[in-house]
Amino acid sequence: MTSTPRLPVLLLLALATLLWGCSRQDIYDTAIGWERSSAGLEPDRVAVGEMDIAYLRNKESANGDSVVLIHGFGANKDNWTRLAAKLTDDFNVYAIDLPGHGDSSKDLDLGYRFEDQVQHVSRILETLDIDQAHMMGNSMGGAITALYAATFPEQVRSAVLFDPAGIFEYDSELVDLVTEGDNPLIPRKPGDFDRLMDFALEKKPFAPWPILDVMEEKAIANREVNEVIFAAIRDTGYEPDFRNAITQIRAPVLVVWGKEDRVINYRNADVFVERIPNARKVLLEGVGHAPMIEVPEESARLFREFIQSSH
C-alpha cells in the first residue's frame, strides 16, 4: 500500500515544475518571496543619511505594538521570517538588514563596533517613525539590542536576546578556531557555507540546493565587509564598557540560549542575567546558535508569554 506524499513535498514538486529552466537566482527570489508573503511580510527600503537600508514589514498593519528584529553577524532580515509568521497577525514587525548586511548598503568605513551599530539602528528607527518597540536580537544583534535598550531605555518595551554576543566569559568552539586563524562564520570558497550552517545550527531548516547555492554566493561576495565587521566587534566582549552598560537596562529582558551553541557558550547567559536587572533566561535543549531559525514556533511562544507576564 502506497502512502500519500506530504503536502510540502507536493508543493516542492510543483514549484520545481513551474521553475524548471529558471536560473538559481530566479528560484531563490521566488522561494524567498513566498516565505515573506506567507509570513505576512513585504520588503521595503529607506534612505537614512548616507545609508540605504532594506527591511521587511507587515503587508497589512496590525492593531498592536511594533516589534523590531535585529539579525546577527553575516546574516540578514530573512533569518526572522519564520518567527515573524507567528507575530504579524498581532504585531507590526520590522526586520532590518543592518548596514553591511543583506540588501543594505555596505560601506567599509561606516563603523561597526556595537556602539556604532546602536546609533545606526537609532537613526533607522527614527526615520521609520518607530518611537517605541519590543526588540529581539540574535548573536551580534543580541548585543546591539541589549546596548540599545541601555542607551535608549524609553524606546524599548521589552527585549529578547537570542544567544547574544557581547560577553565571552566562557569560551566556545568558535573562539578556539578564530585563535587558530580559522573563522567558520566567514565563507571564503565553495563548501564553506555548508560548514557555516553545520557549525551554527543544530536544527537546520530544509532548503533546496539552488537556494543554498545562491546564499553561498552572496556570503562569499560579502567576505570583505564581513571581515571588517568581525574585526570591529571581536574584542568588545573583553572590554568592561559593554558589561557596565547593560546594567542600565530598565526594560524586561529575556535571554534565550540554545545549549548546543558552538558560536557562543550558553553559560554566558548567566553573566547577562547577573548584569541586567530582573532579566530571565531560558535554555533550549538540542538547539544551536539561532533559535528563531531552528525553533521559530517555540521562540515566538516564549516572546508572547514573556511580554504577557511582564505587564
Protein backbone atom coordinates (compact mmCIF):
# COMPACT_ATOMS: atom_id res chain seq x y z
CA MET A 1 0.00 0.00 0.00
CA THR A 2 1.47 3.35 -1.00
CA SER A 3 1.21 6.39 1.24
CA THR A 4 0.12 9.84 0.09
CA PRO A 5 3.05 12.30 -0.18
CA ARG A 6 3.09 15.02 2.41
CA LEU A 7 1.81 18.42 1.25
CA PRO A 8 5.24 20.17 1.47
CA VAL A 9 6.70 17.55 -0.88
CA LEU A 10 3.90 18.11 -3.38
CA LEU A 11 4.42 21.86 -3.18
CA LEU A 12 8.15 21.47 -3.79
CA LEU A 13 7.49 19.24 -6.80
CA ALA A 14 5.01 21.75 -8.19
CA LEU A 15 7.45 24.58 -7.60
CA ALA A 16 10.24 22.66 -9.32
CA THR A 17 7.98 22.03 -12.31
CA LEU A 18 6.98 25.68 -12.59
CA LEU A 19 10.56 26.90 -12.27
CA TRP A 20 12.23 24.30 -14.49
CA GLY A 21 14.69 26.15 -16.67
CA CYS A 22 14.82 29.20 -14.41
CA SER A 23 18.12 30.43 -13.05
CA ARG A 24 19.17 29.68 -9.49
CA GLN A 25 18.67 33.36 -8.68
CA ASP A 26 15.11 33.21 -10.01
CA ILE A 27 14.38 30.16 -7.87
CA TYR A 28 15.95 31.86 -4.83
CA ASP A 29 13.93 35.06 -5.37
CA THR A 30 10.70 33.09 -5.77
CA ALA A 31 11.28 30.98 -2.66
CA ILE A 32 12.27 33.97 -0.51
CA GLY A 33 9.30 35.94 -1.80
CA TRP A 34 6.96 33.07 -0.97
CA GLU A 35 8.37 32.78 2.58
CA ARG A 36 7.96 36.51 3.16
CA SER A 37 4.43 36.62 1.79
CA SER A 38 3.40 33.56 3.82
CA ALA A 39 4.68 35.35 6.93
CA GLY A 40 2.59 38.43 6.15
CA LEU A 41 5.68 40.46 5.27
CA GLU A 42 6.81 42.53 2.31
CA PRO A 43 10.16 44.15 1.50
CA ASP A 44 10.77 47.89 1.62
CA ARG A 45 13.70 50.31 1.60
CA VAL A 46 14.50 53.61 3.28
CA ALA A 47 17.30 56.15 2.88
CA VAL A 48 18.92 57.03 6.22
CA GLY A 49 21.52 59.71 5.55
CA GLU A 50 24.23 58.02 3.51
CA MET A 51 22.81 54.56 4.23
CA ASP A 52 20.37 52.65 2.03
CA ILE A 53 18.51 50.30 4.36
CA ALA A 54 16.44 47.27 3.33
CA TYR A 55 13.83 45.83 5.68
CA LEU A 56 10.71 43.70 5.90
CA ARG A 57 7.43 44.98 7.31
CA ASN A 58 3.81 43.86 7.63
CA LYS A 59 1.85 43.70 4.40
CA GLU A 60 -1.14 44.78 6.48
CA SER A 61 -0.87 46.83 9.66
CA ALA A 62 -1.81 45.06 12.88
CA ASN A 63 -3.61 46.59 15.83
CA GLY A 64 -0.69 46.03 18.18
CA ASP A 65 2.79 47.08 19.25
CA SER A 66 5.81 47.28 16.98
CA VAL A 67 8.46 44.55 17.09
CA VAL A 68 11.96 45.28 15.75
CA LEU A 69 14.13 42.30 14.80
CA ILE A 70 17.93 42.61 14.65
CA HIS A 71 19.85 39.79 12.96
CA GLY A 72 23.35 38.54 13.74
CA PHE A 73 26.76 38.82 12.11
CA GLY A 74 26.83 37.86 8.44
CA ALA A 75 23.06 37.26 8.50
CA ASN A 76 20.08 39.23 7.19
CA LYS A 77 16.44 40.14 7.71
CA ASP A 78 15.15 36.84 6.32
CA ASN A 79 16.55 34.98 9.34
CA TRP A 80 13.41 36.17 11.13
CA THR A 81 10.74 35.27 8.56
CA ARG A 82 9.53 32.03 10.17
CA LEU A 83 9.32 33.57 13.63
CA ALA A 84 7.63 36.68 12.22
CA ALA A 85 4.94 34.46 10.66
CA LYS A 86 3.74 33.79 14.21
CA LEU A 87 3.57 37.50 15.08
CA THR A 88 2.29 39.57 12.16
CA ASP A 89 -1.38 38.99 12.99
CA ASP A 90 -0.97 40.88 16.27
CA PHE A 91 2.22 42.97 15.94
CA ASN A 92 3.74 45.34 13.42
CA VAL A 93 7.01 43.62 12.59
CA TYR A 94 10.14 45.29 11.23
CA ALA A 95 13.04 43.00 10.31
CA ILE A 96 16.01 45.19 9.37
CA ASP A 97 19.07 44.49 7.25
CA LEU A 98 21.78 46.15 9.31
CA PRO A 99 24.32 48.25 7.38
CA GLY A 100 26.91 45.94 5.83
CA HIS A 101 24.40 43.08 5.59
CA GLY A 102 21.74 41.67 3.30
CA ASP A 103 20.42 44.20 0.80
CA SER A 104 21.51 47.28 2.76
CA SER A 105 24.49 49.44 1.78
CA LYS A 106 27.92 48.05 2.62
CA ASP A 107 30.24 50.98 3.29
CA LEU A 108 33.50 49.62 4.68
CA ASP A 109 34.18 52.86 6.59
CA LEU A 110 30.79 53.26 8.25
CA GLY A 111 31.81 51.98 11.70
CA TYR A 112 30.66 48.62 13.03
CA ARG A 113 31.51 48.47 16.71
CA PHE A 114 28.47 47.71 18.83
CA GLU A 115 28.09 51.33 19.90
CA ASP A 116 28.29 52.42 16.24
CA GLN A 117 25.61 49.96 15.24
CA VAL A 118 23.34 51.11 18.06
CA GLN A 119 23.50 54.61 16.60
CA HIS A 120 22.79 53.26 13.11
CA VAL A 121 19.70 51.45 14.42
CA SER A 122 18.57 54.59 16.24
CA ARG A 123 18.71 56.59 13.00
CA ILE A 124 16.86 53.84 11.14
CA LEU A 125 14.04 53.64 13.69
CA GLU A 126 13.74 57.42 13.80
CA THR A 127 13.38 57.50 10.00
CA LEU A 128 10.72 54.77 10.20
CA ASP A 129 8.85 56.76 12.91
CA ILE A 130 9.19 53.94 15.44
CA ASP A 131 9.45 55.60 18.84
CA GLN A 132 8.70 52.53 20.98
CA ALA A 133 9.01 48.83 20.26
CA HIS A 134 9.70 45.39 21.56
CA MET A 135 13.12 44.34 20.30
CA MET A 136 14.65 40.96 19.56
CA GLY A 137 18.23 40.32 18.55
CA ASN A 138 20.35 37.28 17.75
CA SER A 139 24.10 36.96 18.32
CA MET A 140 25.65 40.30 17.27
CA GLY A 141 22.08 41.59 17.00
CA GLY A 142 21.50 40.47 20.58
CA ALA A 143 24.42 42.60 21.76
CA ILE A 144 23.12 45.55 19.73
CA THR A 145 19.63 45.06 21.19
CA ALA A 146 20.96 44.96 24.76
CA LEU A 147 23.11 48.05 24.27
CA TYR A 148 20.22 49.83 22.52
CA ALA A 149 17.95 49.10 25.50
CA ALA A 150 20.59 50.57 27.82
CA THR A 151 21.18 53.65 25.63
CA PHE A 152 17.55 54.44 24.76
CA PRO A 153 15.55 52.99 27.67
CA GLU A 154 12.42 54.99 26.88
CA GLN A 155 12.16 53.37 23.42
CA VAL A 156 12.29 49.70 24.40
CA ARG A 157 9.19 47.96 25.77
CA SER A 158 10.93 44.61 26.16
CA ALA A 159 13.99 42.84 24.79
CA VAL A 160 14.58 39.20 23.86
CA LEU A 161 18.23 38.24 23.37
CA PHE A 162 18.79 35.04 21.39
CA ASP A 163 22.31 33.69 22.04
CA PRO A 164 23.66 37.26 22.31
CA ALA A 165 27.23 38.34 21.67
CA GLY A 166 28.91 40.98 23.82
CA ILE A 167 30.07 38.78 26.70
CA PHE A 168 32.51 35.90 26.30
CA GLU A 169 33.26 34.90 29.88
CA TYR A 170 33.13 31.28 28.78
CA ASP A 171 34.96 30.25 25.61
CA SER A 172 33.36 28.37 22.74
CA GLU A 173 34.50 26.28 19.79
CA LEU A 174 34.48 29.46 17.69
CA VAL A 175 36.98 31.19 19.95
CA ASP A 176 39.43 28.31 19.56
CA LEU A 177 39.04 28.29 15.77
CA VAL A 178 39.41 32.06 15.38
CA THR A 179 42.50 31.97 17.58
CA GLU A 180 43.95 29.44 15.13
CA GLY A 181 43.14 31.75 12.20
CA ASP A 182 40.10 29.78 11.01
CA ASN A 183 36.76 31.59 11.15
CA PRO A 184 33.84 29.36 10.03
CA LEU A 185 31.47 32.36 10.13
CA ILE A 186 33.08 33.96 7.05
CA PRO A 187 32.72 31.78 3.93
CA ARG A 188 35.59 32.25 1.50
CA LYS A 189 35.18 29.42 -1.03
CA PRO A 190 32.62 26.87 -2.23
CA GLY A 191 31.72 24.45 0.55
CA ASP A 192 32.29 26.98 3.33
CA PHE A 193 28.60 27.89 3.58
CA ASP A 194 27.68 24.28 4.34
CA ARG A 195 30.30 24.32 7.04
CA LEU A 196 28.85 27.56 8.44
CA MET A 197 25.36 26.06 8.56
CA ASP A 198 26.61 22.89 10.25
CA PHE A 199 28.60 24.92 12.77
CA ALA A 200 25.95 27.50 13.68
CA LEU A 201 22.76 25.43 13.59
CA GLU A 202 21.90 22.25 15.43
CA LYS A 203 18.47 22.02 13.78
CA LYS A 204 18.92 23.04 10.14
CA PRO A 205 15.74 24.02 8.25
CA PHE A 206 15.26 22.39 4.88
CA ALA A 207 16.32 24.48 1.86
CA PRO A 208 16.63 23.16 -1.73
CA TRP A 209 20.11 23.18 -3.27
CA PRO A 210 19.57 26.15 -5.65
CA ILE A 211 18.69 28.36 -2.69
CA LEU A 212 21.73 27.25 -0.69
CA ASP A 213 23.94 27.86 -3.71
CA VAL A 214 22.75 31.46 -4.02
CA MET A 215 23.13 32.00 -0.28
CA GLU A 216 26.71 30.76 -0.51
CA GLU A 217 27.47 33.04 -3.45
CA LYS A 218 26.14 36.03 -1.52
CA ALA A 219 28.13 35.11 1.59
CA ILE A 220 31.39 34.75 -0.36
CA ALA A 221 30.74 38.05 -2.15
CA ASN A 222 30.36 39.74 1.26
CA ARG A 223 33.69 38.43 2.57
CA GLU A 224 35.43 41.82 2.64
CA VAL A 225 32.75 43.67 4.58
CA ASN A 226 32.26 40.66 6.87
CA GLU A 227 35.93 40.72 7.79
CA VAL A 228 35.71 44.44 8.58
CA ILE A 229 32.61 43.94 10.75
CA PHE A 230 34.00 40.90 12.57
CA ALA A 231 37.21 42.78 13.39
CA ALA A 232 35.15 45.68 14.76
CA ILE A 233 33.04 43.55 17.11
CA ARG A 234 35.59 40.84 18.00
CA ASP A 235 37.06 42.31 21.17
CA THR A 236 34.00 44.08 22.58
CA GLY A 237 33.15 41.23 24.93
CA TYR A 238 36.50 41.54 26.64
CA GLU A 239 36.01 45.21 27.46
CA PRO A 240 34.20 46.37 30.63
CA ASP A 241 32.12 49.05 28.89
CA PHE A 242 29.55 46.64 27.48
CA ARG A 243 29.11 44.78 30.76
CA ASN A 244 28.72 48.06 32.64
CA ALA A 245 26.31 49.50 30.09
CA ILE A 246 23.79 46.65 30.24
CA THR A 247 23.32 47.20 33.98
CA GLN A 248 21.40 50.33 32.93
CA ILE A 249 18.69 48.39 31.08
CA ARG A 250 15.24 49.05 32.52
CA ALA A 251 13.04 47.10 30.11
CA PRO A 252 12.10 43.47 30.84
CA VAL A 253 14.73 41.21 29.26
CA LEU A 254 14.54 37.54 28.32
CA VAL A 255 17.77 35.74 27.46
CA VAL A 256 17.15 32.64 25.30
CA TRP A 257 20.07 30.33 24.53
CA GLY A 258 20.50 27.09 22.63
CA LYS A 259 22.56 24.67 24.72
CA GLU A 260 24.27 23.26 21.61
CA ASP A 261 25.60 26.69 20.61
CA ARG A 262 29.14 26.32 19.22
CA VAL A 263 29.49 30.01 18.38
CA ILE A 264 28.99 31.49 21.87
CA ASN A 265 28.97 29.33 25.00
CA TYR A 266 25.48 29.13 26.52
CA ARG A 267 26.94 29.55 30.02
CA ASN A 268 27.40 33.24 29.20
CA ALA A 269 23.64 33.54 29.71
CA ASP A 270 24.30 33.61 33.46
CA VAL A 271 26.55 36.66 33.09
CA PHE A 272 23.87 38.53 31.15
CA VAL A 273 21.24 37.68 33.75
CA GLU A 274 23.55 38.74 36.57
CA ARG A 275 24.30 42.11 34.92
CA ILE A 276 20.82 43.04 33.65
CA PRO A 277 18.28 43.96 36.36
CA ASN A 278 15.38 41.50 36.56
CA ALA A 279 16.43 39.55 33.46
CA ARG A 280 15.28 35.97 32.96
CA LYS A 281 16.82 33.12 30.99
CA VAL A 282 15.57 30.09 29.08
CA LEU A 283 17.93 27.37 27.88
CA LEU A 284 16.81 25.27 24.93
CA GLU A 285 17.92 21.66 24.65
CA GLY A 286 19.04 20.45 21.24
CA VAL A 287 19.19 23.97 19.76
CA GLY A 288 22.22 25.80 18.39
CA HIS A 289 23.08 29.44 17.80
CA ALA A 290 19.84 30.68 16.16
CA PRO A 291 16.66 29.62 17.99
CA MET A 292 14.44 31.85 15.82
CA ILE A 293 15.54 29.80 12.77
CA GLU A 294 15.76 26.40 14.44
CA VAL A 295 12.63 26.53 16.61
CA PRO A 296 10.62 29.55 15.36
CA GLU A 297 7.30 28.50 16.89
CA GLU A 298 8.83 27.99 20.33
CA SER A 299 10.76 31.26 20.02
CA ALA A 300 7.57 33.17 19.20
CA ARG A 301 5.73 31.47 22.06
CA LEU A 302 8.48 32.44 24.51
CA PHE A 303 8.22 36.06 23.37
CA ARG A 304 4.43 36.16 23.73
CA GLU A 305 4.46 34.54 27.16
CA PHE A 306 7.27 36.80 28.30
CA ILE A 307 5.59 40.09 27.41
CA GLN A 308 2.30 38.88 28.88
CA SER A 309 3.98 38.01 32.17
CA SER A 310 5.88 41.30 32.20
CA HIS A 311 2.79 43.53 32.16
